[in-house]
Amino acid sequence: MQPRLATGLWVSAYLTRLRLADIPHYVTARGDETSGAVIVKCALLNGQARAYQRSYDLMSDQRIWVLLAEGDEPAVDAALAKARSRDPDLWVIELEDRAGRTMLEEEGLAS
């Protein structure tokens, strides 16, 4: 198992990558700096959105990004509000990109 990077440091690096790619982004919920979970929501600017969370894959022994919610943006927002109510240490990062780019598959962010 790979050592985990402190969440605040990971978020800072992720926001820098988004800024360099000219992807508008906002931290809408700031969680625990050390070990808070992260959800990334991507608004497609057509009323639709997707939200991703990290999950542990037993088969590959890695943490991977999985789709948490997808559909009408209000429904995705409701799923995020529910997750946030269960976990006050949760980070929520919202992006706006018509193509749905999140950069989560890139090296250093993927696992």
C-alpha atoms as a PDB file:
ATOM      1  CA  MET A   1       0.000   0.000   0.000  1.00  0.00           C
ATOM      2  CA  GLN A   2       1.295   3.443  -0.920  1.00  0.00           C
ATOM      3  CA  PRO A   3       1.672   6.082   1.786  1.00  0.00           C
ATOM      4  CA  ARG A   4      -1.098   8.685   1.747  1.00  0.00           C
ATOM      5  CA  LEU A   5      -0.396  12.314   1.073  1.00  0.00           C
ATOM      6  CA  ALA A   6      -2.009  14.810   3.467  1.00  0.00           C
ATOM      7  CA  THR A   7      -5.291  15.935   1.927  1.00  0.00           C
ATOM      8  CA  GLY A   8      -4.512  19.655   2.118  1.00  0.00           C
ATOM      9  CA  LEU A   9      -1.293  19.138   0.172  1.00  0.00           C
ATOM     10  CA  TRP A  10      -3.043  16.983  -2.450  1.00  0.00           C
ATOM     11  CA  VAL A  11      -5.819  19.579  -2.848  1.00  0.00           C
ATOM     12  CA  SER A  12      -3.267  22.372  -3.271  1.00  0.00           C
ATOM     13  CA  ALA A  13      -1.443  20.428  -6.006  1.00  0.00           C
ATOM     14  CA  TYR A  14      -4.741  19.556  -7.721  1.00  0.00           C
ATOM     15  CA  LEU A  15      -5.915  23.178  -7.728  1.00  0.00           C
ATOM     16  CA  THR A  16      -2.590  24.221  -9.262  1.00  0.00           C
ATOM     17  CA  ARG A  17      -3.015  21.676 -12.067  1.00  0.00           C
ATOM     18  CA  LEU A  18      -6.558  22.885 -12.709  1.00  0.00           C
ATOM     19  CA  ARG A  19      -5.362  26.486 -12.816  1.00  0.00           C
ATOM     20  CA  LEU A  20      -2.611  25.595 -15.307  1.00  0.00           C
ATOM     21  CA  ALA A  21      -5.183  23.817 -17.506  1.00  0.00           C
ATOM     22  CA  ASP A  22      -7.512  26.857 -17.345  1.00  0.00           C
ATOM     23  CA  ILE A  23     -10.309  24.825 -15.759  1.00  0.00           C
ATOM     24  CA  PRO A  24     -12.453  27.043 -13.496  1.00  0.00           C
ATOM     25  CA  HIS A  25     -12.687  25.561 -10.009  1.00  0.00           C
ATOM     26  CA  TYR A  26     -13.937  26.328  -6.526  1.00  0.00           C
ATOM     27  CA  VAL A  27     -13.464  24.746  -3.120  1.00  0.00           C
ATOM     28  CA  THR A  28     -17.051  24.690  -1.866  1.00  0.00           C
ATOM     29  CA  ALA A  29     -16.354  22.653   1.288  1.00  0.00           C
ATOM     30  CA  ARG A  30     -13.053  22.637   3.099  1.00  0.00           C
ATOM     31  CA  GLY A  31     -12.434  19.428   5.030  1.00  0.00           C
ATOM     32  CA  ASP A  32      -9.755  18.089   7.312  1.00  0.00           C
ATOM     33  CA  GLU A  33      -6.263  19.143   6.164  1.00  0.00           C
ATOM     34  CA  THR A  34      -4.673  15.832   7.124  1.00  0.00           C
ATOM     35  CA  SER A  35      -7.090  13.053   6.304  1.00  0.00           C
ATOM     36  CA  GLY A  36     -10.317  14.457   4.871  1.00  0.00           C
ATOM     37  CA  ALA A  37     -11.906  12.676   1.933  1.00  0.00           C
ATOM     38  CA  VAL A  38     -12.301  14.553  -1.379  1.00  0.00           C
ATOM     39  CA  ILE A  39     -15.202  14.700  -3.812  1.00  0.00           C
ATOM     40  CA  VAL A  40     -14.722  16.376  -7.201  1.00  0.00           C
ATOM     41  CA  LYS A  41     -17.848  17.660  -8.953  1.00  0.00           C
ATOM     42  CA  CYS A  42     -17.665  18.625 -12.619  1.00  0.00           C
ATOM     43  CA  ALA A  43     -20.485  20.825 -13.929  1.00  0.00           C
ATOM     44  CA  LEU A  44     -20.821  20.334 -17.685  1.00  0.00           C
ATOM     45  CA  LEU A  45     -22.509  23.749 -18.108  1.00  0.00           C
ATOM     46  CA  ASN A  46     -25.586  22.192 -19.740  1.00  0.00           C
ATOM     47  CA  GLY A  47     -27.514  21.375 -16.558  1.00  0.00           C
ATOM     48  CA  GLN A  48     -25.667  18.086 -16.088  1.00  0.00           C
ATOM     49  CA  ALA A  49     -22.891  17.207 -13.648  1.00  0.00           C
ATOM     50  CA  ARG A  50     -20.739  14.338 -12.417  1.00  0.00           C
ATOM     51  CA  ALA A  51     -19.184  13.772  -9.009  1.00  0.00           C
ATOM     52  CA  TYR A  52     -16.216  11.529  -8.264  1.00  0.00           C
ATOM     53  CA  GLN A  53     -14.850  10.149  -5.009  1.00  0.00           C
ATOM     54  CA  ARG A  54     -11.810   8.080  -4.116  1.00  0.00           C
ATOM     55  CA  SER A  55     -12.355   4.455  -3.286  1.00  0.00           C
ATOM     56  CA  TYR A  56     -10.072   1.576  -2.389  1.00  0.00           C
ATOM     57  CA  ASP A  57      -9.852  -1.167  -5.032  1.00  0.00           C
ATOM     58  CA  LEU A  58      -9.001  -4.481  -3.347  1.00  0.00           C
ATOM     59  CA  MET A  59      -8.080  -6.161  -6.642  1.00  0.00           C
ATOM     60  CA  SER A  60      -5.365  -3.667  -7.556  1.00  0.00           C
ATOM     61  CA  ASP A  61      -4.510  -2.651  -3.962  1.00  0.00           C
ATOM     62  CA  GLN A  62      -4.858   1.003  -4.986  1.00  0.00           C
ATOM     63  CA  ARG A  63      -7.061   3.992  -4.333  1.00  0.00           C
ATOM     64  CA  ILE A  64      -9.000   4.895  -7.478  1.00  0.00           C
ATOM     65  CA  TRP A  65     -11.508   7.571  -8.521  1.00  0.00           C
ATOM     66  CA  VAL A  66     -15.052   6.270  -9.006  1.00  0.00           C
ATOM     67  CA  LEU A  67     -18.253   7.943 -10.167  1.00  0.00           C
ATOM     68  CA  LEU A  68     -20.371   8.872  -7.128  1.00  0.00           C
ATOM     69  CA  ALA A  69     -23.261  10.630  -8.904  1.00  0.00           C
ATOM     70  CA  GLU A  70     -24.184  11.696 -12.424  1.00  0.00           C
ATOM     71  CA  GLY A  71     -27.163  13.472 -13.944  1.00  0.00           C
ATOM     72  CA  ASP A  72     -29.053  16.707 -13.448  1.00  0.00           C
ATOM     73  CA  GLU A  73     -26.910  19.141 -11.482  1.00  0.00           C
ATOM     74  CA  PRO A  74     -29.470  19.599  -8.664  1.00  0.00           C
ATOM     75  CA  ALA A  75     -29.565  15.809  -8.122  1.00  0.00           C
ATOM     76  CA  VAL A  76     -25.748  15.666  -8.014  1.00  0.00           C
ATOM     77  CA  ASP A  77     -25.753  18.603  -5.567  1.00  0.00           C
ATOM     78  CA  ALA A  78     -28.238  16.706  -3.366  1.00  0.00           C
ATOM     79  CA  ALA A  79     -25.920  13.675  -3.329  1.00  0.00           C
ATOM     80  CA  LEU A  80     -23.019  15.941  -2.309  1.00  0.00           C
ATOM     81  CA  ALA A  81     -25.098  17.544   0.458  1.00  0.00           C
ATOM     82  CA  LYS A  82     -25.979  14.086   1.768  1.00  0.00           C
ATOM     83  CA  ALA A  83     -22.315  13.010   1.728  1.00  0.00           C
ATOM     84  CA  ARG A  84     -21.301  16.244   3.448  1.00  0.00           C
ATOM     85  CA  SER A  85     -23.928  15.737   6.181  1.00  0.00           C
ATOM     86  CA  ARG A  86     -22.396  12.315   6.959  1.00  0.00           C
ATOM     87  CA  ASP A  87     -18.781  13.534   6.854  1.00  0.00           C
ATOM     88  CA  PRO A  88     -17.983  17.058   8.101  1.00  0.00           C
ATOM     89  CA  ASP A  89     -14.289  16.498   7.224  1.00  0.00           C
ATOM     90  CA  LEU A  90     -15.150  16.115   3.523  1.00  0.00           C
ATOM     91  CA  TRP A  91     -13.623  18.394   0.875  1.00  0.00           C
ATOM     92  CA  VAL A  92     -15.772  19.306  -2.139  1.00  0.00           C
ATOM     93  CA  ILE A  93     -14.058  20.775  -5.198  1.00  0.00           C
ATOM     94  CA  GLU A  94     -16.310  21.976  -8.016  1.00  0.00           C
ATOM     95  CA  LEU A  95     -15.136  22.391 -11.605  1.00  0.00           C
ATOM     96  CA  GLU A  96     -16.789  23.863 -14.677  1.00  0.00           C
ATOM     97  CA  ASP A  97     -15.863  22.242 -17.970  1.00  0.00           C
ATOM     98  CA  ARG A  98     -18.094  21.514 -20.971  1.00  0.00           C
ATOM     99  CA  ALA A  99     -15.880  18.566 -21.972  1.00  0.00           C
ATOM    100  CA  GLY A 100     -16.015  17.072 -18.463  1.00  0.00           C
ATOM    101  CA  ARG A 101     -12.258  17.309 -17.885  1.00  0.00           C
ATOM    102  CA  THR A 102     -11.251  16.631 -14.285  1.00  0.00           C
ATOM    103  CA  MET A 103      -7.590  15.637 -14.742  1.00  0.00           C
ATOM    104  CA  LEU A 104      -8.124  12.902 -12.104  1.00  0.00           C
ATOM    105  CA  GLU A 105      -6.696  10.288 -14.483  1.00  0.00           C
ATOM    106  CA  GLU A 106      -3.344  12.070 -14.737  1.00  0.00           C
ATOM    107  CA  GLU A 107      -0.186  10.790 -13.077  1.00  0.00           C
ATOM    108  CA  GLY A 108       0.071  11.903  -9.481  1.00  0.00           C
ATOM    109  CA  LEU A 109      -3.704  12.427  -9.230  1.00  0.00           C
ATOM    110  CA  ALA A 110      -5.041   9.072 -10.389  1.00  0.00           C
ATOM    111  CA  SER A 111      -4.138   6.948  -7.380  1.00  0.00           C
END
